[in-house]
Amino acid sequence: MRGVLPEDSILDFVSTIGGDPFSRRQIAFLADNRIGIANSPILAGLRPGIYAITLDGYERSFDY
Protein backbone atom coordinates (compact mmCIF):
# COMPACT_ATOMS: atom_id res chain seq x y z
CA MET A 1 0.00 0.00 0.00
CA ARG A 2 2.77 2.46 0.93
CA GLY A 3 4.25 2.22 -2.56
CA VAL A 4 1.14 3.54 -4.32
CA LEU A 5 0.49 6.48 -1.96
CA PRO A 6 1.90 9.99 -2.32
CA GLU A 7 5.13 10.55 -0.30
CA ASP A 8 3.42 12.82 2.23
CA SER A 9 0.63 10.34 3.01
CA ILE A 10 0.29 9.05 6.56
CA LEU A 11 -0.26 5.32 6.87
CA ASP A 12 -0.84 3.46 10.14
CA PHE A 13 -1.19 -0.20 11.08
CA VAL A 14 -3.78 -0.33 13.86
CA SER A 15 -3.99 -3.40 16.09
CA THR A 16 -3.16 -4.54 19.59
CA ILE A 17 0.57 -5.28 19.65
CA GLY A 18 2.49 -7.57 22.00
CA GLY A 19 5.56 -6.65 24.01
CA ASP A 20 7.70 -9.61 22.89
CA PRO A 21 10.81 -9.53 20.63
CA PHE A 22 8.82 -10.45 17.50
CA SER A 23 6.39 -7.59 18.08
CA ARG A 24 9.30 -5.17 18.53
CA ARG A 25 10.78 -6.36 15.22
CA GLN A 26 7.36 -5.92 13.60
CA ILE A 27 7.13 -2.32 14.87
CA ALA A 28 10.69 -1.65 13.62
CA PHE A 29 9.82 -3.08 10.18
CA LEU A 30 6.75 -0.87 9.98
CA ALA A 31 8.76 2.20 11.04
CA ASP A 32 11.48 1.41 8.46
CA ASN A 33 8.75 1.46 5.82
CA ARG A 34 7.21 4.71 7.10
CA ILE A 35 4.15 2.97 8.54
CA GLY A 36 3.09 4.11 11.99
CA ILE A 37 1.17 2.27 14.67
CA ALA A 38 -1.08 5.24 15.63
CA ASN A 39 -2.42 4.66 19.13
CA SER A 40 -2.22 0.88 18.95
CA PRO A 41 -1.85 -0.47 22.49
CA ILE A 42 1.35 -2.40 23.26
CA LEU A 43 0.57 -5.05 25.85
CA ALA A 44 3.67 -6.03 27.82
CA GLY A 45 4.02 -9.76 28.36
CA LEU A 46 1.74 -10.70 25.47
CA ARG A 47 2.54 -12.02 22.00
CA PRO A 48 0.83 -11.61 18.62
CA GLY A 49 -1.65 -14.24 17.48
CA ILE A 50 0.38 -15.33 14.46
CA TYR A 51 2.82 -18.03 13.42
CA ALA A 52 6.11 -16.92 11.91
CA ILE A 53 9.53 -18.37 11.20
CA THR A 54 12.50 -16.00 11.34
CA LEU A 55 16.06 -16.74 10.28
CA ASP A 56 19.31 -15.69 11.94
CA GLY A 57 21.92 -17.09 9.58
CA TYR A 58 20.98 -20.78 9.41
CA GLU A 59 19.24 -20.82 12.79
CA ARG A 60 15.45 -20.74 12.72
CA SER A 61 13.25 -19.43 15.48
CA PHE A 62 9.52 -19.87 15.74
CA ASP A 63 6.96 -17.43 17.05
CA TYR A 64 3.37 -18.50 17.69
PDB file of N, CA and C in Angstrom:
ATOM      1  N   MET A   1       0.821  -1.178   0.000  1.00  0.00           N
ATOM      2  CA  MET A   1       0.000   0.000   0.000  1.00  0.00           C
ATOM      3  C   MET A   1       0.873   1.253   0.000  1.00  0.00           C
ATOM      4  N   ARG A   2       1.915   1.283   0.820  1.00  0.00           N
ATOM      5  CA  ARG A   2       2.766   2.463   0.925  1.00  0.00           C
ATOM      6  C   ARG A   2       3.294   2.878  -0.446  1.00  0.00           C
ATOM      7  N   GLY A   3       3.646   1.921  -1.276  1.00  0.00           N
ATOM      8  CA  GLY A   3       4.253   2.221  -2.564  1.00  0.00           C
ATOM      9  C   GLY A   3       3.354   2.943  -3.545  1.00  0.00           C
ATOM     10  N   VAL A   4       2.059   2.884  -3.369  1.00  0.00           N
ATOM     11  CA  VAL A   4       1.143   3.541  -4.315  1.00  0.00           C
ATOM     12  C   VAL A   4       0.603   4.862  -3.777  1.00  0.00           C
ATOM     13  N   LEU A   5       0.976   5.238  -2.554  1.00  0.00           N
ATOM     14  CA  LEU A   5       0.491   6.481  -1.959  1.00  0.00           C
ATOM     15  C   LEU A   5       1.477   7.615  -2.205  1.00  0.00           C
ATOM     16  N   PRO A   6       0.984   8.849  -2.225  1.00  0.00           N
ATOM     17  CA  PRO A   6       1.905   9.987  -2.320  1.00  0.00           C
ATOM     18  C   PRO A   6       2.870   9.990  -1.130  1.00  0.00           C
ATOM     19  N   GLU A   7       4.076  10.537  -1.324  1.00  0.00           N
ATOM     20  CA  GLU A   7       5.126  10.553  -0.304  1.00  0.00           C
ATOM     21  C   GLU A   7       4.678  11.146   1.024  1.00  0.00           C
ATOM     22  N   ASP A   8       3.812  12.155   1.001  1.00  0.00           N
ATOM     23  CA  ASP A   8       3.423  12.823   2.232  1.00  0.00           C
ATOM     24  C   ASP A   8       2.211  12.180   2.912  1.00  0.00           C
ATOM     25  N   SER A   9       1.768  11.037   2.396  1.00  0.00           N
ATOM     26  CA  SER A   9       0.633  10.339   3.012  1.00  0.00           C
ATOM     27  C   SER A   9       1.033   9.726   4.350  1.00  0.00           C
ATOM     28  N   ILE A  10       0.086   9.698   5.256  1.00  0.00           N
ATOM     29  CA  ILE A  10       0.294   9.054   6.560  1.00  0.00           C
ATOM     30  C   ILE A  10      -0.415   7.718   6.529  1.00  0.00           C
ATOM     31  N   LEU A  11       0.295   6.664   6.877  1.00  0.00           N
ATOM     32  CA  LEU A  11      -0.261   5.318   6.868  1.00  0.00           C
ATOM     33  C   LEU A  11       0.029   4.682   8.212  1.00  0.00           C
ATOM     34  N   ASP A  12      -0.994   4.117   8.853  1.00  0.00           N
ATOM     35  CA  ASP A  12      -0.835   3.465  10.144  1.00  0.00           C
ATOM     36  C   ASP A  12      -1.406   2.052  10.114  1.00  0.00           C
ATOM     37  N   PHE A  13      -0.717   1.150  10.805  1.00  0.00           N
ATOM     38  CA  PHE A  13      -1.193  -0.197  11.084  1.00  0.00           C
ATOM     39  C   PHE A  13      -1.814  -0.119  12.474  1.00  0.00           C
ATOM     40  N   VAL A  14      -3.091  -0.465  12.581  1.00  0.00           N
ATOM     41  CA  VAL A  14      -3.781  -0.334  13.859  1.00  0.00           C
ATOM     42  C   VAL A  14      -4.218  -1.711  14.343  1.00  0.00           C
ATOM     43  N   SER A  15      -3.681  -2.109  15.495  1.00  0.00           N
ATOM     44  CA  SER A  15      -3.986  -3.400  16.089  1.00  0.00           C
ATOM     45  C   SER A  15      -3.417  -3.403  17.504  1.00  0.00           C
ATOM     46  N   THR A  16      -3.820  -4.344  18.308  1.00  0.00           N
ATOM     47  CA  THR A  16      -3.156  -4.545  19.589  1.00  0.00           C
ATOM     48  C   THR A  16      -1.834  -5.244  19.294  1.00  0.00           C
ATOM     49  N   ILE A  17      -0.766  -4.780  19.937  1.00  0.00           N
ATOM     50  CA  ILE A  17       0.574  -5.282  19.654  1.00  0.00           C
ATOM     51  C   ILE A  17       1.151  -5.855  20.948  1.00  0.00           C
ATOM     52  N   GLY A  18       1.864  -6.964  20.829  1.00  0.00           N
ATOM     53  CA  GLY A  18       2.493  -7.572  21.999  1.00  0.00           C
ATOM     54  C   GLY A  18       3.756  -6.836  22.402  1.00  0.00           C
ATOM     55  N   GLY A  19       4.326  -7.251  23.514  1.00  0.00           N
ATOM     56  CA  GLY A  19       5.564  -6.646  24.005  1.00  0.00           C
ATOM     57  C   GLY A  19       6.764  -7.557  23.843  1.00  0.00           C
ATOM     58  N   ASP A  20       6.642  -8.610  23.075  1.00  0.00           N
ATOM     59  CA  ASP A  20       7.700  -9.605  22.886  1.00  0.00           C
ATOM     60  C   ASP A  20       8.687  -9.161  21.802  1.00  0.00           C
ATOM     61  N   PRO A  21       9.810  -9.897  21.648  1.00  0.00           N
ATOM     62  CA  PRO A  21      10.810  -9.526  20.633  1.00  0.00           C
ATOM     63  C   PRO A  21      10.251  -9.501  19.203  1.00  0.00           C
ATOM     64  N   PHE A  22       9.380 -10.446  18.846  1.00  0.00           N
ATOM     65  CA  PHE A  22       8.820 -10.452  17.496  1.00  0.00           C
ATOM     66  C   PHE A  22       8.001  -9.191  17.251  1.00  0.00           C
ATOM     67  N   SER A  23       7.203  -8.796  18.229  1.00  0.00           N
ATOM     68  CA  SER A  23       6.389  -7.586  18.084  1.00  0.00           C
ATOM     69  C   SER A  23       7.268  -6.355  17.934  1.00  0.00           C
ATOM     70  N   ARG A  24       8.378  -6.303  18.666  1.00  0.00           N
ATOM     71  CA  ARG A  24       9.296  -5.169  18.528  1.00  0.00           C
ATOM     72  C   ARG A  24       9.923  -5.137  17.142  1.00  0.00           C
ATOM     73  N   ARG A  25      10.247  -6.313  16.593  1.00  0.00           N
ATOM     74  CA  ARG A  25      10.776  -6.359  15.221  1.00  0.00           C
ATOM     75  C   ARG A  25       9.705  -5.930  14.228  1.00  0.00           C
ATOM     76  N   GLN A  26       8.471  -6.312  14.475  1.00  0.00           N
ATOM     77  CA  GLN A  26       7.364  -5.918  13.603  1.00  0.00           C
ATOM     78  C   GLN A  26       7.203  -4.393  13.607  1.00  0.00           C
ATOM     79  N   ILE A  27       7.244  -3.781  14.767  1.00  0.00           N
ATOM     80  CA  ILE A  27       7.133  -2.324  14.870  1.00  0.00           C
ATOM     81  C   ILE A  27       8.303  -1.655  14.141  1.00  0.00           C
ATOM     82  N   ALA A  28       9.517  -2.206  14.305  1.00  0.00           N
ATOM     83  CA  ALA A  28      10.692  -1.648  13.621  1.00  0.00           C
ATOM     84  C   ALA A  28      10.543  -1.760  12.108  1.00  0.00           C
ATOM     85  N   PHE A  29      10.049  -2.903  11.621  1.00  0.00           N
ATOM     86  CA  PHE A  29       9.825  -3.080  10.182  1.00  0.00           C
ATOM     87  C   PHE A  29       8.836  -2.045   9.661  1.00  0.00           C
ATOM     88  N   LEU A  30       7.742  -1.859  10.391  1.00  0.00           N
ATOM     89  CA  LEU A  30       6.750  -0.868   9.980  1.00  0.00           C
ATOM     90  C   LEU A  30       7.379   0.519   9.940  1.00  0.00           C
ATOM     91  N   ALA A  31       8.124   0.876  10.981  1.00  0.00           N
ATOM     92  CA  ALA A  31       8.759   2.195  11.037  1.00  0.00           C
ATOM     93  C   ALA A  31       9.743   2.383   9.884  1.00  0.00           C
ATOM     94  N   ASP A  32      10.526   1.338   9.577  1.00  0.00           N
ATOM     95  CA  ASP A  32      11.485   1.412   8.462  1.00  0.00           C
ATOM     96  C   ASP A  32      10.783   1.669   7.134  1.00  0.00           C
ATOM     97  N   ASN A  33       9.528   1.287   7.049  1.00  0.00           N
ATOM     98  CA  ASN A  33       8.747   1.460   5.822  1.00  0.00           C
ATOM     99  C   ASN A  33       7.749   2.617   5.924  1.00  0.00           C
ATOM    100  N   ARG A  34       8.002   3.508   6.901  1.00  0.00           N
ATOM    101  CA  ARG A  34       7.207   4.712   7.100  1.00  0.00           C
ATOM    102  C   ARG A  34       5.737   4.397   7.349  1.00  0.00           C
ATOM    103  N   ILE A  35       5.504   3.345   8.130  1.00  0.00           N
ATOM    104  CA  ILE A  35       4.155   2.966   8.540  1.00  0.00           C
ATOM    105  C   ILE A  35       4.109   3.080  10.058  1.00  0.00           C
ATOM    106  N   GLY A  36       3.203   3.910  10.560  1.00  0.00           N
ATOM    107  CA  GLY A  36       3.090   4.114  11.990  1.00  0.00           C
ATOM    108  C   GLY A  36       2.199   3.068  12.636  1.00  0.00           C
ATOM    109  N   ILE A  37       2.082   3.170  13.952  1.00  0.00           N
ATOM    110  CA  ILE A  37       1.172   2.268  14.670  1.00  0.00           C
ATOM    111  C   ILE A  37       0.080   3.060  15.390  1.00  0.00           C
ATOM    112  N   ALA A  38      -0.042   4.367  15.054  1.00  0.00           N
ATOM    113  CA  ALA A  38      -1.081   5.241  15.630  1.00  0.00           C
ATOM    114  C   ALA A  38      -1.117   5.076  17.144  1.00  0.00           C
ATOM    115  N   ASN A  39      -2.264   4.849  17.686  1.00  0.00           N
ATOM    116  CA  ASN A  39      -2.422   4.663  19.133  1.00  0.00           C
ATOM    117  C   ASN A  39      -2.631   3.197  19.486  1.00  0.00           C
ATOM    118  N   SER A  40      -2.080   2.303  18.680  1.00  0.00           N
ATOM    119  CA  SER A  40      -2.223   0.878  18.952  1.00  0.00           C
ATOM    120  C   SER A  40      -1.629   0.548  20.318  1.00  0.00           C
ATOM    121  N   PRO A  41      -2.394  -0.132  21.171  1.00  0.00           N
ATOM    122  CA  PRO A  41      -1.848  -0.468  22.486  1.00  0.00           C
ATOM    123  C   PRO A  41      -0.779  -1.559  22.386  1.00  0.00           C
ATOM    124  N   ILE A  42       0.295  -1.384  23.151  1.00  0.00           N
ATOM    125  CA  ILE A  42       1.349  -2.396  23.255  1.00  0.00           C
ATOM    126  C   ILE A  42       1.179  -3.047  24.620  1.00  0.00           C
ATOM    127  N   LEU A  43       0.866  -4.329  24.623  1.00  0.00           N
ATOM    128  CA  LEU A  43       0.565  -5.054  25.852  1.00  0.00           C
ATOM    129  C   LEU A  43       1.779  -5.870  26.298  1.00  0.00           C
ATOM    130  N   ALA A  44       2.475  -5.367  27.293  1.00  0.00           N
ATOM    131  CA  ALA A  44       3.669  -6.034  27.816  1.00  0.00           C
ATOM    132  C   ALA A  44       3.325  -7.451  28.258  1.00  0.00           C
ATOM    133  N   GLY A  45       4.209  -8.374  27.948  1.00  0.00           N
ATOM    134  CA  GLY A  45       4.024  -9.760  28.364  1.00  0.00           C
ATOM    135  C   GLY A  45       3.163 -10.586  27.430  1.00  0.00           C
ATOM    136  N   LEU A  46       2.578  -9.957  26.416  1.00  0.00           N
ATOM    137  CA  LEU A  46       1.743 -10.702  25.466  1.00  0.00           C
ATOM    138  C   LEU A  46       2.430 -10.806  24.124  1.00  0.00           C
ATOM    139  N   ARG A  47       1.970 -11.765  23.314  1.00  0.00           N
ATOM    140  CA  ARG A  47       2.541 -12.022  21.998  1.00  0.00           C
ATOM    141  C   ARG A  47       1.450 -11.930  20.948  1.00  0.00           C
ATOM    142  N   PRO A  48       1.838 -11.692  19.685  1.00  0.00           N
ATOM    143  CA  PRO A  48       0.829 -11.612  18.622  1.00  0.00           C
ATOM    144  C   PRO A  48       0.223 -12.986  18.341  1.00  0.00           C
ATOM    145  N   GLY A  49      -0.971 -12.996  17.825  1.00  0.00           N
ATOM    146  CA  GLY A  49      -1.647 -14.242  17.480  1.00  0.00           C
ATOM    147  C   GLY A  49      -1.329 -14.676  16.066  1.00  0.00           C
ATOM    148  N   ILE A  50      -0.044 -14.913  15.798  1.00  0.00           N
ATOM    149  CA  ILE A  50       0.383 -15.326  14.460  1.00  0.00           C
ATOM    150  C   ILE A  50       1.417 -16.444  14.591  1.00  0.00           C
ATOM    151  N   TYR A  51       1.758 -17.039  13.475  1.00  0.00           N
ATOM    152  CA  TYR A  51       2.816 -18.032  13.419  1.00  0.00           C
ATOM    153  C   TYR A  51       3.832 -17.523  12.413  1.00  0.00           C
ATOM    154  N   ALA A  52       5.077 -17.421  12.817  1.00  0.00           N
ATOM    155  CA  ALA A  52       6.107 -16.922  11.914  1.00  0.00           C
ATOM    156  C   ALA A  52       7.421 -17.643  12.167  1.00  0.00           C
ATOM    157  N   ILE A  53       8.186 -17.803  11.108  1.00  0.00           N
ATOM    158  CA  ILE A  53       9.530 -18.370  11.199  1.00  0.00           C
ATOM    159  C   ILE A  53      10.502 -17.261  10.807  1.00  0.00           C
ATOM    160  N   THR A  54      11.479 -16.987  11.667  1.00  0.00           N
ATOM    161  CA  THR A  54      12.500 -15.998  11.344  1.00  0.00           C
ATOM    162  C   THR A  54      13.848 -16.687  11.298  1.00  0.00           C
ATOM    163  N   LEU A  55      14.747 -16.152  10.468  1.00  0.00           N
ATOM    164  CA  LEU A  55      16.064 -16.741  10.285  1.00  0.00           C
ATOM    165  C   LEU A  55      17.135 -15.810  10.824  1.00  0.00           C
ATOM    166  N   ASP A  56      18.109 -16.397  11.517  1.00  0.00           N
ATOM    167  CA  ASP A  56      19.313 -15.692  11.937  1.00  0.00           C
ATOM    168  C   ASP A  56      20.469 -16.539  11.437  1.00  0.00           C
ATOM    169  N   GLY A  57      20.960 -16.216  10.243  1.00  0.00           N
ATOM    170  CA  GLY A  57      21.918 -17.093   9.576  1.00  0.00           C
ATOM    171  C   GLY A  57      21.193 -18.363   9.169  1.00  0.00           C
ATOM    172  N   TYR A  58      21.643 -19.508   9.701  1.00  0.00           N
ATOM    173  CA  TYR A  58      20.981 -20.778   9.412  1.00  0.00           C
ATOM    174  C   TYR A  58      20.058 -21.222  10.546  1.00  0.00           C
ATOM    175  N   GLU A  59      20.058 -20.470  11.623  1.00  0.00           N
ATOM    176  CA  GLU A  59      19.244 -20.818  12.789  1.00  0.00           C
ATOM    177  C   GLU A  59      17.825 -20.272  12.638  1.00  0.00           C
ATOM    178  N   ARG A  60      16.853 -21.156  12.798  1.00  0.00           N
ATOM    179  CA  ARG A  60      15.451 -20.738  12.718  1.00  0.00           C
ATOM    180  C   ARG A  60      14.879 -20.556  14.114  1.00  0.00           C
ATOM    181  N   SER A  61      14.003 -19.565  14.243  1.00  0.00           N
ATOM    182  CA  SER A  61      13.246 -19.432  15.481  1.00  0.00           C
ATOM    183  C   SER A  61      11.773 -19.300  15.119  1.00  0.00           C
ATOM    184  N   PHE A  62      10.946 -19.803  16.007  1.00  0.00           N
ATOM    185  CA  PHE A  62       9.516 -19.873  15.737  1.00  0.00           C
ATOM    186  C   PHE A  62       8.767 -19.013  16.724  1.00  0.00           C
ATOM    187  N   ASP A  63       7.838 -18.246  16.214  1.00  0.00           N
ATOM    188  CA  ASP A  63       6.958 -17.432  17.046  1.00  0.00           C
ATOM    189  C   ASP A  63       5.533 -17.848  16.761  1.00  0.00           C
ATOM    190  N   TYR A  64       4.773 -18.083  17.818  1.00  0.00           N
ATOM    191  CA  TYR A  64       3.374 -18.499  17.688  1.00  0.00           C
ATOM    192  C   TYR A  64       2.481 -17.447  18.286  1.00  0.00           C
TER     193      TYR A  64
END
